[in-house]
Amino acid sequence: MTAAGTPVRSHWPEYAAEALGLGIFMLSACGFAALLFHPRSPVVAALPGLMLRSVCMGLAMGLTAVLNVYSPWGRRSGAHLNPAFTLAFYRLGKVARRDLAGYIGGQFVGALAGTGLAVFLLRGWLADPAVNFVATVPGPRGVEVAFLAELVISFLLMLVVLAVMSRPKLARYTGLFAGALVALYITFEAPLSGMSMNPARTIGSAVYAHLWTAVWLYFLAPPLGMLLAVESMRGARAVREQMCAKLHHDDRVRCIFCEHRRG
């Protein structure tokens, strides 16, 4: 039973919303990567500069993240879309233990389903080395640099999210801040690590690419970075008392996190 007296199974819409959100993110990532980087894409001929296409990719994925946060499904689940996010909010006491498996399971299912749909729709385009199923693998500077990069970008993202969410006048813009960081990271950090920050997102690509290079670092660095950010902010009163685990809190939509806190 939940604190409000409803069975745990009634939280399935939130878990399904997490799956839908990350599935859409992966489908978007695959689609835009094929459009912007496949050698036979007309966009590659029209925009031969790699940096310009990387900026377009960053903007596309930043907007996808923002749309997820403010979508009906994002308002329902809180748009974590990332096991590292969910674990960080759990550490803050904002997520009930009983919801951890549902959220994380939904995120992995969504990542696999979204990438699988992209494989079906785009056929061989995703397998081209220039697209490579949008797999996240260490760049030419090696595993150590990739690990540090994932740790730093995850730490900064969570730090910004907590700082913005804990300020009532800014909280409604959390999704915009997060989307802007995603756009910047994909544009400038991706060459170092592939820009994952998300174990489920990495697995969603790796399963279809059959590419498991240093996959462990994508399970370790993002949660560690976000948990370090949590520890640095735990003393802030607004973080402890005011924040909810939703990136955008809509009072018209049920919030299982506020129910948990009231309990």
Protein backbone atom coordinates (compact mmCIF):
# COMPACT_ATOMS: atom_id res chain seq x y z
CA MET A 1 0.00 0.00 0.00
CA THR A 2 1.12 3.59 -0.60
CA ALA A 3 1.06 6.31 2.02
CA ALA A 4 -2.25 7.50 0.57
CA GLY A 5 -3.75 4.02 0.87
CA THR A 6 -3.73 3.07 -2.83
CA PRO A 7 -2.10 -0.15 -4.05
CA VAL A 8 1.40 0.07 -5.50
CA ARG A 9 0.11 -1.33 -8.80
CA SER A 10 -1.74 1.95 -9.33
CA HIS A 11 1.60 3.61 -10.06
CA TRP A 12 1.90 1.78 -13.39
CA PRO A 13 0.91 4.92 -15.38
CA GLU A 14 4.01 6.67 -14.04
CA TYR A 15 6.22 3.71 -14.95
CA ALA A 16 4.67 3.53 -18.42
CA ALA A 17 5.18 7.27 -18.86
CA GLU A 18 8.88 6.81 -18.14
CA ALA A 19 9.07 4.09 -20.78
CA LEU A 20 7.24 6.27 -23.31
CA GLY A 21 9.42 9.30 -22.67
CA LEU A 22 12.74 7.51 -23.03
CA GLY A 23 11.42 5.55 -26.01
CA ILE A 24 10.61 8.85 -27.74
CA PHE A 25 14.04 10.21 -26.85
CA MET A 26 15.78 7.18 -28.38
CA LEU A 27 13.60 7.24 -31.49
CA SER A 28 14.42 10.93 -31.89
CA ALA A 29 18.14 10.34 -31.36
CA CYS A 30 18.24 7.58 -33.96
CA GLY A 31 16.18 9.53 -36.47
CA PHE A 32 18.12 12.76 -36.22
CA ALA A 33 21.47 10.94 -36.22
CA ALA A 34 20.55 9.16 -39.45
CA LEU A 35 19.30 12.41 -40.98
CA LEU A 36 22.35 14.44 -39.96
CA PHE A 37 25.20 11.93 -40.32
CA HIS A 38 24.34 9.11 -42.73
CA PRO A 39 26.45 9.55 -45.91
CA ARG A 40 23.38 9.21 -48.17
CA SER A 41 21.32 11.78 -46.29
CA PRO A 42 20.60 14.93 -48.30
CA VAL A 43 21.30 16.95 -45.14
CA VAL A 44 24.93 15.79 -45.17
CA ALA A 45 25.31 17.09 -48.72
CA ALA A 46 23.59 20.36 -47.84
CA LEU A 47 25.54 20.87 -44.60
CA PRO A 48 29.00 19.37 -45.11
CA GLY A 49 30.42 20.91 -41.95
CA LEU A 50 30.50 18.35 -39.13
CA MET A 51 30.36 20.99 -36.40
CA LEU A 52 27.23 22.58 -37.82
CA ARG A 53 25.50 19.20 -37.98
CA SER A 54 26.61 18.47 -34.42
CA VAL A 55 25.00 21.74 -33.31
CA CYS A 56 21.80 20.70 -35.10
CA MET A 57 21.92 17.32 -33.36
CA GLY A 58 22.36 18.99 -29.99
CA LEU A 59 19.46 21.35 -30.61
CA ALA A 60 17.23 18.50 -31.77
CA MET A 61 17.91 16.39 -28.69
CA GLY A 62 17.70 19.35 -26.32
CA LEU A 63 14.25 20.15 -27.73
CA THR A 64 13.26 16.48 -27.44
CA ALA A 65 14.24 16.55 -23.76
CA VAL A 66 12.24 19.75 -23.18
CA LEU A 67 9.17 18.38 -24.95
CA ASN A 68 9.36 15.23 -22.81
CA VAL A 69 9.50 17.24 -19.58
CA TYR A 70 6.44 19.35 -20.43
CA SER A 71 4.46 16.63 -22.21
CA PRO A 72 1.45 14.92 -20.60
CA TRP A 73 3.57 11.83 -19.88
CA GLY A 74 6.41 13.95 -18.49
CA ARG A 75 4.01 15.77 -16.20
CA ARG A 76 2.73 12.38 -15.04
CA SER A 77 6.02 10.69 -14.19
CA GLY A 78 8.28 13.69 -13.63
CA ALA A 79 10.37 12.92 -16.73
CA HIS A 80 13.35 11.30 -15.03
CA LEU A 81 13.93 9.11 -18.12
CA ASN A 82 17.21 8.04 -16.54
CA PRO A 83 18.02 5.54 -13.78
CA ALA A 84 20.72 7.89 -12.48
CA PHE A 85 18.14 10.65 -11.99
CA THR A 86 15.77 8.30 -10.18
CA LEU A 87 18.53 7.04 -7.88
CA ALA A 88 19.59 10.60 -7.09
CA PHE A 89 16.04 11.61 -6.15
CA TYR A 90 15.73 8.42 -4.09
CA ARG A 91 18.87 9.41 -2.20
CA LEU A 92 17.20 12.74 -1.45
CA GLY A 93 14.19 10.91 -0.02
CA LYS A 94 11.91 12.16 -2.82
CA VAL A 95 11.21 8.72 -4.35
CA ALA A 96 9.80 5.76 -2.43
CA ARG A 97 11.80 2.52 -2.51
CA ARG A 98 8.78 0.68 -3.87
CA ASP A 99 8.87 2.86 -7.01
CA LEU A 100 12.55 2.36 -7.83
CA ALA A 101 12.13 -0.89 -9.75
CA GLY A 102 9.10 0.40 -11.65
CA TYR A 103 10.83 3.59 -12.75
CA ILE A 104 14.15 2.00 -13.64
CA GLY A 105 12.48 -0.95 -15.34
CA GLY A 106 10.29 1.39 -17.36
CA GLN A 107 13.33 3.39 -18.44
CA PHE A 108 15.19 0.33 -19.73
CA VAL A 109 12.10 -1.00 -21.50
CA GLY A 110 11.53 2.39 -23.13
CA ALA A 111 15.13 2.68 -24.32
CA LEU A 112 15.05 -0.78 -25.89
CA ALA A 113 11.62 -0.29 -27.44
CA GLY A 114 12.41 3.15 -28.86
CA THR A 115 15.65 1.99 -30.44
CA GLY A 116 13.98 -1.17 -31.70
CA LEU A 117 11.28 0.88 -33.42
CA ALA A 118 13.98 3.05 -35.00
CA VAL A 119 15.78 -0.07 -36.27
CA PHE A 120 12.52 -1.24 -37.86
CA LEU A 121 11.75 2.12 -39.45
CA LEU A 122 15.24 3.09 -40.59
CA ARG A 123 16.53 -0.35 -41.54
CA GLY A 124 20.19 -0.32 -42.54
CA TRP A 125 20.66 3.40 -41.98
CA LEU A 126 21.24 2.94 -38.27
CA ALA A 127 23.88 0.27 -38.84
CA ASP A 128 26.06 2.57 -40.96
CA PRO A 129 29.31 3.37 -39.11
CA ALA A 130 28.51 7.09 -39.27
CA VAL A 131 25.34 6.46 -37.21
CA ASN A 132 26.19 3.19 -35.42
CA PHE A 133 22.85 2.91 -33.61
CA VAL A 134 23.77 6.14 -31.74
CA ALA A 135 25.94 3.98 -29.49
CA THR A 136 27.78 5.64 -26.62
CA VAL A 137 31.41 4.55 -26.58
CA PRO A 138 34.61 6.22 -25.37
CA GLY A 139 36.17 8.62 -27.84
CA PRO A 140 39.75 8.52 -29.13
CA ARG A 141 41.08 10.00 -25.89
CA GLY A 142 40.29 6.75 -24.09
CA VAL A 143 38.21 5.24 -21.31
CA GLU A 144 39.66 7.39 -18.52
CA VAL A 145 38.72 10.64 -20.25
CA ALA A 146 35.27 9.26 -21.12
CA PHE A 147 34.67 8.27 -17.49
CA LEU A 148 35.70 11.68 -16.20
CA ALA A 149 33.61 13.43 -18.85
CA GLU A 150 30.50 11.42 -17.97
CA LEU A 151 31.09 12.06 -14.28
CA VAL A 152 31.44 15.82 -14.75
CA ILE A 153 28.49 16.35 -17.09
CA SER A 154 26.23 14.22 -14.89
CA PHE A 155 27.30 16.14 -11.79
CA LEU A 156 26.70 19.50 -13.44
CA LEU A 157 23.31 18.50 -14.86
CA MET A 158 22.03 17.29 -11.49
CA LEU A 159 23.50 20.30 -9.71
CA VAL A 160 21.71 22.70 -12.05
CA VAL A 161 18.45 20.75 -11.86
CA LEU A 162 18.47 20.78 -8.05
CA ALA A 163 19.41 24.45 -7.90
CA VAL A 164 16.62 25.47 -10.28
CA MET A 165 13.96 23.13 -8.89
CA SER A 166 14.50 24.39 -5.35
CA ARG A 167 13.74 28.01 -6.32
CA PRO A 168 9.97 28.58 -6.64
CA LYS A 169 10.37 31.40 -9.18
CA LEU A 170 12.58 29.26 -11.42
CA ALA A 171 11.21 25.75 -10.86
CA ARG A 172 8.86 25.87 -13.86
CA TYR A 173 11.89 26.38 -16.12
CA THR A 174 13.77 23.28 -14.97
CA GLY A 175 13.03 21.49 -18.22
CA LEU A 176 14.47 24.38 -20.22
CA PHE A 177 17.69 24.40 -18.21
CA ALA A 178 18.03 20.62 -18.54
CA GLY A 179 17.33 20.74 -22.28
CA ALA A 180 19.88 23.48 -22.82
CA LEU A 181 22.55 21.42 -21.06
CA VAL A 182 21.67 18.34 -23.11
CA ALA A 183 22.04 20.41 -26.28
CA LEU A 184 25.44 21.74 -25.21
CA TYR A 185 26.69 18.35 -24.08
CA ILE A 186 25.73 16.61 -27.33
CA THR A 187 27.38 19.36 -29.35
CA PHE A 188 30.65 19.59 -27.45
CA GLU A 189 31.06 16.58 -25.11
CA ALA A 190 29.85 13.74 -27.35
CA PRO A 191 33.28 13.24 -28.98
CA LEU A 192 34.69 12.32 -25.56
CA SER A 193 32.19 9.71 -24.38
CA GLY A 194 29.21 9.65 -26.74
CA MET A 195 27.26 11.77 -24.21
CA SER A 196 25.16 9.25 -22.36
CA MET A 197 24.64 10.28 -18.71
CA ASN A 198 22.12 7.44 -18.75
CA PRO A 199 22.68 3.67 -18.31
CA ALA A 200 19.33 2.83 -19.94
CA ARG A 201 20.08 5.03 -22.96
CA THR A 202 23.44 3.28 -23.41
CA ILE A 203 21.89 -0.18 -23.24
CA GLY A 204 19.18 0.85 -25.68
CA SER A 205 21.86 1.33 -28.33
CA ALA A 206 24.33 -1.36 -27.26
CA VAL A 207 21.85 -4.24 -27.59
CA TYR A 208 21.19 -3.50 -31.27
CA ALA A 209 24.74 -2.44 -32.13
CA HIS A 210 26.22 -5.48 -30.32
CA LEU A 211 28.76 -3.02 -29.00
CA TRP A 212 29.71 -3.28 -25.34
CA THR A 213 32.93 -1.26 -25.23
CA ALA A 214 33.51 -0.03 -21.65
CA VAL A 215 29.76 -0.28 -20.98
CA TRP A 216 30.53 -0.41 -17.26
CA LEU A 217 31.54 3.25 -17.19
CA TYR A 218 28.05 4.31 -18.32
CA PHE A 219 26.58 2.40 -15.40
CA LEU A 220 29.01 3.88 -12.91
CA ALA A 221 29.94 7.44 -13.87
CA PRO A 222 26.44 9.00 -14.38
CA PRO A 223 24.95 7.74 -11.08
CA LEU A 224 28.14 8.64 -9.23
CA GLY A 225 28.19 12.14 -10.69
CA MET A 226 24.54 12.77 -9.85
CA LEU A 227 24.89 11.36 -6.35
CA LEU A 228 27.87 13.65 -5.75
CA ALA A 229 25.68 16.58 -6.78
CA VAL A 230 22.99 15.41 -4.36
CA GLU A 231 25.48 15.24 -1.52
CA SER A 232 26.69 18.74 -2.28
CA MET A 233 23.11 20.07 -2.10
CA ARG A 234 21.60 18.00 0.72
CA GLY A 235 22.23 20.71 3.25
CA ALA A 236 20.12 23.23 1.36
CA ARG A 237 16.80 23.70 3.14
CA ALA A 238 14.85 24.28 -0.08
CA VAL A 239 16.15 21.01 -1.52
CA ARG A 240 15.18 19.11 1.62
CA GLU A 241 11.75 20.60 2.16
CA GLN A 242 10.30 22.17 -0.99
CA MET A 243 11.42 20.08 -3.91
CA CYS A 244 9.42 17.36 -5.58
CA ALA A 245 11.05 14.71 -7.80
CA LYS A 246 9.19 15.94 -10.88
CA LEU A 247 11.13 18.13 -13.27
CA HIS A 248 7.86 19.94 -13.93
CA HIS A 249 5.19 19.79 -11.23
CA ASP A 250 1.67 20.29 -12.55
CA ASP A 251 -0.85 20.53 -9.72
CA ARG A 252 -3.53 19.13 -12.03
CA VAL A 253 -1.69 15.82 -12.34
CA ARG A 254 -1.30 13.22 -9.58
CA CYS A 255 2.11 13.24 -7.92
CA ILE A 256 3.23 9.99 -6.30
CA PHE A 257 6.28 11.77 -4.92
CA CYS A 258 4.25 14.28 -2.93
CA GLU A 259 2.11 11.38 -1.68
CA HIS A 260 5.29 9.70 -0.50
CA ARG A 261 6.49 12.82 1.31
CA ARG A 262 3.14 13.28 3.07
CA GLY A 263 3.37 9.72 4.30
